[in-house]
Amino acid sequence: MTRNHIEVWNARVLPPGTVRITFWKVLRGSLLPILVWVGVACFVYFVYNPVVAVVLGGLFTFSFAVGVALRRKAGHSVRCCIYGAVGGMLDKSMAGF
């Protein structure tokens, strides 16, 4: 733990237990990757062909489905699987940039 985490804990800023995260918070935390990929999809739609944008969307859908399946296999809840798959898909997709 870093010094900042210890100071935050000692100041009782953190909640005492677990806090439910909403889907909006997951998307807001992933705003940069969403904007980048929407820009890429728009670019390939107008420059190349709409089919290329559909293929890109299909890749994201496939990645999302695999992420949900792997998390369900590991025993996570449905909510955790969906949130984790969205966040993980966007996180791993930005590794190339």
N, C-alpha and C. Protein backbone atom coordinates (compact mmCIF):
# COMPACT_ATOMS: atom_id res chain seq x y z
N MET A 1 0.84 -1.18 0.00
CA MET A 1 0.00 0.00 0.00
C MET A 1 0.88 1.24 0.00
N THR A 2 0.41 2.24 -0.64
CA THR A 2 1.16 3.49 -0.68
C THR A 2 0.78 4.35 0.51
N ARG A 3 1.56 5.36 0.73
CA ARG A 3 1.31 6.27 1.84
C ARG A 3 -0.04 6.96 1.68
N ASN A 4 -0.40 7.30 0.44
CA ASN A 4 -1.67 7.97 0.20
C ASN A 4 -2.84 7.06 0.59
N HIS A 5 -2.75 5.76 0.26
CA HIS A 5 -3.81 4.84 0.63
C HIS A 5 -3.95 4.73 2.15
N ILE A 6 -2.83 4.71 2.84
CA ILE A 6 -2.87 4.60 4.30
C ILE A 6 -3.47 5.87 4.90
N GLU A 7 -3.10 7.03 4.38
CA GLU A 7 -3.67 8.28 4.88
C GLU A 7 -5.17 8.36 4.62
N VAL A 8 -5.61 7.91 3.44
CA VAL A 8 -7.03 7.92 3.13
C VAL A 8 -7.77 6.97 4.07
N TRP A 9 -7.18 5.80 4.32
CA TRP A 9 -7.81 4.83 5.22
C TRP A 9 -7.91 5.40 6.63
N ASN A 10 -6.84 6.02 7.12
CA ASN A 10 -6.84 6.58 8.47
C ASN A 10 -7.80 7.75 8.60
N ALA A 11 -8.03 8.48 7.53
CA ALA A 11 -8.96 9.61 7.57
C ALA A 11 -10.41 9.15 7.41
N ARG A 12 -10.61 7.85 7.27
CA ARG A 12 -11.95 7.26 7.13
C ARG A 12 -12.71 7.82 5.93
N VAL A 13 -11.97 8.06 4.86
CA VAL A 13 -12.59 8.55 3.64
C VAL A 13 -13.23 7.39 2.88
N LEU A 14 -12.60 6.23 2.96
CA LEU A 14 -13.13 5.06 2.27
C LEU A 14 -14.35 4.51 2.98
N PRO A 15 -15.28 3.92 2.25
CA PRO A 15 -16.46 3.34 2.89
C PRO A 15 -16.06 2.11 3.72
N PRO A 16 -16.84 1.79 4.75
CA PRO A 16 -16.47 0.67 5.63
C PRO A 16 -16.60 -0.70 4.96
N GLY A 17 -17.42 -0.82 3.95
CA GLY A 17 -17.63 -2.12 3.31
C GLY A 17 -17.59 -1.99 1.80
N THR A 18 -18.13 -3.01 1.14
CA THR A 18 -18.16 -2.97 -0.31
C THR A 18 -19.22 -1.98 -0.79
N VAL A 19 -18.96 -1.39 -1.92
CA VAL A 19 -19.87 -0.41 -2.51
C VAL A 19 -20.25 -0.91 -3.89
N ARG A 20 -21.53 -0.87 -4.20
CA ARG A 20 -22.00 -1.31 -5.51
C ARG A 20 -21.59 -0.29 -6.57
N ILE A 21 -21.02 -0.78 -7.64
CA ILE A 21 -20.61 0.07 -8.75
C ILE A 21 -21.67 -0.02 -9.83
N THR A 22 -22.09 1.12 -10.33
CA THR A 22 -23.10 1.14 -11.38
C THR A 22 -22.43 1.00 -12.74
N PHE A 23 -23.23 0.61 -13.73
CA PHE A 23 -22.70 0.45 -15.08
C PHE A 23 -22.23 1.80 -15.63
N TRP A 24 -22.88 2.88 -15.23
CA TRP A 24 -22.48 4.21 -15.67
C TRP A 24 -21.06 4.53 -15.20
N LYS A 25 -20.69 4.11 -13.98
CA LYS A 25 -19.33 4.34 -13.49
C LYS A 25 -18.31 3.56 -14.29
N VAL A 26 -18.67 2.35 -14.71
CA VAL A 26 -17.77 1.57 -15.55
C VAL A 26 -17.55 2.27 -16.88
N LEU A 27 -18.63 2.75 -17.49
CA LEU A 27 -18.49 3.44 -18.77
C LEU A 27 -17.77 4.77 -18.62
N ARG A 28 -18.04 5.49 -17.54
CA ARG A 28 -17.37 6.77 -17.34
C ARG A 28 -15.88 6.57 -17.12
N GLY A 29 -15.50 5.48 -16.46
CA GLY A 29 -14.09 5.17 -16.27
C GLY A 29 -13.42 4.73 -17.56
N SER A 30 -14.21 4.27 -18.52
CA SER A 30 -13.68 3.81 -19.80
C SER A 30 -13.99 4.79 -20.92
N LEU A 31 -14.14 6.04 -20.60
CA LEU A 31 -14.56 7.03 -21.60
C LEU A 31 -13.53 7.22 -22.71
N LEU A 32 -12.27 7.26 -22.39
CA LEU A 32 -11.23 7.45 -23.41
C LEU A 32 -11.21 6.31 -24.42
N PRO A 33 -11.18 5.04 -23.99
CA PRO A 33 -11.22 3.97 -25.00
C PRO A 33 -12.49 3.98 -25.83
N ILE A 34 -13.62 4.32 -25.22
CA ILE A 34 -14.87 4.38 -25.98
C ILE A 34 -14.78 5.44 -27.07
N LEU A 35 -14.28 6.61 -26.71
CA LEU A 35 -14.17 7.68 -27.70
C LEU A 35 -13.17 7.34 -28.81
N VAL A 36 -12.07 6.71 -28.44
CA VAL A 36 -11.08 6.32 -29.45
C VAL A 36 -11.67 5.32 -30.42
N TRP A 37 -12.36 4.30 -29.91
CA TRP A 37 -12.90 3.27 -30.79
C TRP A 37 -14.09 3.76 -31.60
N VAL A 38 -14.87 4.67 -31.06
CA VAL A 38 -15.95 5.27 -31.86
C VAL A 38 -15.35 6.08 -33.00
N GLY A 39 -14.26 6.80 -32.72
CA GLY A 39 -13.57 7.55 -33.77
C GLY A 39 -12.99 6.64 -34.84
N VAL A 40 -12.40 5.54 -34.43
CA VAL A 40 -11.85 4.58 -35.39
C VAL A 40 -12.97 3.98 -36.24
N ALA A 41 -14.09 3.63 -35.60
CA ALA A 41 -15.22 3.05 -36.34
C ALA A 41 -15.79 4.05 -37.35
N CYS A 42 -15.92 5.30 -36.94
CA CYS A 42 -16.41 6.33 -37.87
C CYS A 42 -15.44 6.53 -39.02
N PHE A 43 -14.16 6.53 -38.72
CA PHE A 43 -13.15 6.71 -39.76
C PHE A 43 -13.22 5.59 -40.80
N VAL A 44 -13.23 4.34 -40.33
CA VAL A 44 -13.26 3.23 -41.30
C VAL A 44 -14.61 3.15 -42.01
N TYR A 45 -15.66 3.60 -41.37
CA TYR A 45 -16.98 3.61 -42.03
C TYR A 45 -16.99 4.54 -43.23
N PHE A 46 -16.45 5.75 -43.03
CA PHE A 46 -16.49 6.74 -44.11
C PHE A 46 -15.36 6.58 -45.11
N VAL A 47 -14.19 6.16 -44.68
CA VAL A 47 -13.05 6.07 -45.59
C VAL A 47 -13.05 4.76 -46.37
N TYR A 48 -13.28 3.65 -45.69
CA TYR A 48 -13.19 2.36 -46.37
C TYR A 48 -14.57 1.88 -46.82
N ASN A 49 -15.31 1.32 -45.88
CA ASN A 49 -16.58 0.71 -46.23
C ASN A 49 -17.35 0.46 -44.94
N PRO A 50 -18.67 0.54 -44.97
CA PRO A 50 -19.44 0.23 -43.76
C PRO A 50 -19.23 -1.21 -43.28
N VAL A 51 -18.88 -2.10 -44.18
CA VAL A 51 -18.66 -3.49 -43.79
C VAL A 51 -17.49 -3.60 -42.81
N VAL A 52 -16.46 -2.78 -43.00
CA VAL A 52 -15.30 -2.80 -42.12
C VAL A 52 -15.71 -2.38 -40.71
N ALA A 53 -16.58 -1.39 -40.61
CA ALA A 53 -17.06 -0.97 -39.29
C ALA A 53 -17.90 -2.06 -38.64
N VAL A 54 -18.67 -2.80 -39.43
CA VAL A 54 -19.47 -3.92 -38.89
C VAL A 54 -18.54 -5.02 -38.39
N VAL A 55 -17.47 -5.31 -39.12
CA VAL A 55 -16.50 -6.32 -38.68
C VAL A 55 -15.85 -5.88 -37.37
N LEU A 56 -15.51 -4.62 -37.26
CA LEU A 56 -14.93 -4.10 -36.02
C LEU A 56 -15.91 -4.26 -34.86
N GLY A 57 -17.17 -3.95 -35.09
CA GLY A 57 -18.20 -4.16 -34.07
C GLY A 57 -18.36 -5.63 -33.71
N GLY A 58 -18.24 -6.50 -34.71
CA GLY A 58 -18.30 -7.93 -34.45
C GLY A 58 -17.15 -8.43 -33.59
N LEU A 59 -15.97 -7.87 -33.82
CA LEU A 59 -14.82 -8.24 -32.98
C LEU A 59 -15.05 -7.84 -31.53
N PHE A 60 -15.62 -6.65 -31.32
CA PHE A 60 -15.91 -6.22 -29.96
C PHE A 60 -16.99 -7.09 -29.32
N THR A 61 -17.99 -7.47 -30.10
CA THR A 61 -19.04 -8.34 -29.58
C THR A 61 -18.48 -9.71 -29.22
N PHE A 62 -17.61 -10.25 -30.06
CA PHE A 62 -16.97 -11.53 -29.77
C PHE A 62 -16.11 -11.44 -28.51
N SER A 63 -15.33 -10.35 -28.38
CA SER A 63 -14.49 -10.17 -27.19
C SER A 63 -15.33 -10.06 -25.94
N PHE A 64 -16.46 -9.37 -26.03
CA PHE A 64 -17.36 -9.23 -24.90
C PHE A 64 -17.93 -10.60 -24.51
N ALA A 65 -18.36 -11.39 -25.49
CA ALA A 65 -18.93 -12.70 -25.21
C ALA A 65 -17.91 -13.63 -24.56
N VAL A 66 -16.68 -13.61 -25.05
CA VAL A 66 -15.63 -14.44 -24.47
C VAL A 66 -15.34 -13.99 -23.04
N GLY A 67 -15.29 -12.68 -22.80
CA GLY A 67 -15.05 -12.17 -21.45
C GLY A 67 -16.13 -12.58 -20.47
N VAL A 68 -17.39 -12.51 -20.90
CA VAL A 68 -18.50 -12.93 -20.04
C VAL A 68 -18.41 -14.43 -19.76
N ALA A 69 -18.13 -15.22 -20.79
CA ALA A 69 -18.06 -16.67 -20.62
C ALA A 69 -16.93 -17.07 -19.67
N LEU A 70 -15.78 -16.44 -19.81
CA LEU A 70 -14.66 -16.77 -18.92
C LEU A 70 -14.95 -16.38 -17.47
N ARG A 71 -15.62 -15.26 -17.28
CA ARG A 71 -15.95 -14.83 -15.92
C ARG A 71 -17.04 -15.72 -15.31
N ARG A 72 -18.02 -16.14 -16.13
CA ARG A 72 -19.06 -17.05 -15.62
C ARG A 72 -18.46 -18.40 -15.25
N LYS A 73 -17.51 -18.86 -16.05
CA LYS A 73 -16.84 -20.13 -15.76
C LYS A 73 -16.06 -20.05 -14.45
N ALA A 74 -15.54 -18.87 -14.15
CA ALA A 74 -14.80 -18.68 -12.91
C ALA A 74 -15.72 -18.52 -11.70
N GLY A 75 -17.04 -18.44 -11.93
CA GLY A 75 -17.98 -18.39 -10.82
C GLY A 75 -18.43 -17.00 -10.40
N HIS A 76 -18.21 -16.01 -11.23
CA HIS A 76 -18.64 -14.65 -10.90
C HIS A 76 -20.13 -14.49 -11.16
N SER A 77 -20.72 -13.46 -10.55
CA SER A 77 -22.13 -13.17 -10.77
C SER A 77 -22.33 -12.59 -12.17
N VAL A 78 -23.59 -12.57 -12.61
CA VAL A 78 -23.88 -12.05 -13.96
C VAL A 78 -23.49 -10.58 -14.05
N ARG A 79 -23.82 -9.80 -13.02
CA ARG A 79 -23.48 -8.37 -13.02
C ARG A 79 -21.97 -8.18 -13.09
N CYS A 80 -21.25 -8.93 -12.31
CA CYS A 80 -19.78 -8.84 -12.32
C CYS A 80 -19.23 -9.24 -13.68
N CYS A 81 -19.83 -10.25 -14.29
CA CYS A 81 -19.36 -10.71 -15.61
C CYS A 81 -19.55 -9.63 -16.66
N ILE A 82 -20.70 -8.99 -16.66
CA ILE A 82 -20.97 -7.97 -17.67
C ILE A 82 -20.08 -6.76 -17.47
N TYR A 83 -20.02 -6.26 -16.23
CA TYR A 83 -19.19 -5.08 -15.96
C TYR A 83 -17.72 -5.38 -16.24
N GLY A 84 -17.25 -6.54 -15.79
CA GLY A 84 -15.85 -6.89 -16.00
C GLY A 84 -15.51 -7.11 -17.46
N ALA A 85 -16.46 -7.68 -18.21
CA ALA A 85 -16.21 -7.92 -19.64
C ALA A 85 -16.11 -6.61 -20.40
N VAL A 86 -16.97 -5.66 -20.07
CA VAL A 86 -16.92 -4.34 -20.74
C VAL A 86 -15.61 -3.63 -20.39
N GLY A 87 -15.31 -3.55 -19.11
CA GLY A 87 -14.08 -2.88 -18.69
C GLY A 87 -12.83 -3.57 -19.21
N GLY A 88 -12.80 -4.90 -19.14
CA GLY A 88 -11.65 -5.64 -19.62
C GLY A 88 -11.46 -5.54 -21.12
N MET A 89 -12.56 -5.59 -21.86
CA MET A 89 -12.49 -5.49 -23.32
C MET A 89 -11.92 -4.13 -23.72
N LEU A 90 -12.39 -3.07 -23.10
CA LEU A 90 -11.91 -1.74 -23.45
C LEU A 90 -10.46 -1.54 -22.98
N ASP A 91 -10.13 -2.10 -21.82
CA ASP A 91 -8.77 -1.98 -21.30
C ASP A 91 -7.78 -2.70 -22.21
N LYS A 92 -8.07 -3.93 -22.57
CA LYS A 92 -7.15 -4.71 -23.40
C LYS A 92 -7.10 -4.17 -24.83
N SER A 93 -8.17 -3.57 -25.31
CA SER A 93 -8.15 -3.05 -26.67
C SER A 93 -7.25 -1.82 -26.79
N MET A 94 -7.03 -1.12 -25.70
CA MET A 94 -6.17 0.07 -25.75
C MET A 94 -4.70 -0.28 -25.62
N ALA A 95 -4.36 -1.53 -25.39
CA ALA A 95 -2.95 -1.92 -25.23
C ALA A 95 -2.17 -1.68 -26.53
N GLY A 96 -2.84 -1.73 -27.67
CA GLY A 96 -2.15 -1.49 -28.94
C GLY A 96 -1.82 -0.03 -29.18
N PHE A 97 -2.54 0.85 -28.52
CA PHE A 97 -2.28 2.27 -28.70
C PHE A 97 -1.19 2.71 -27.76
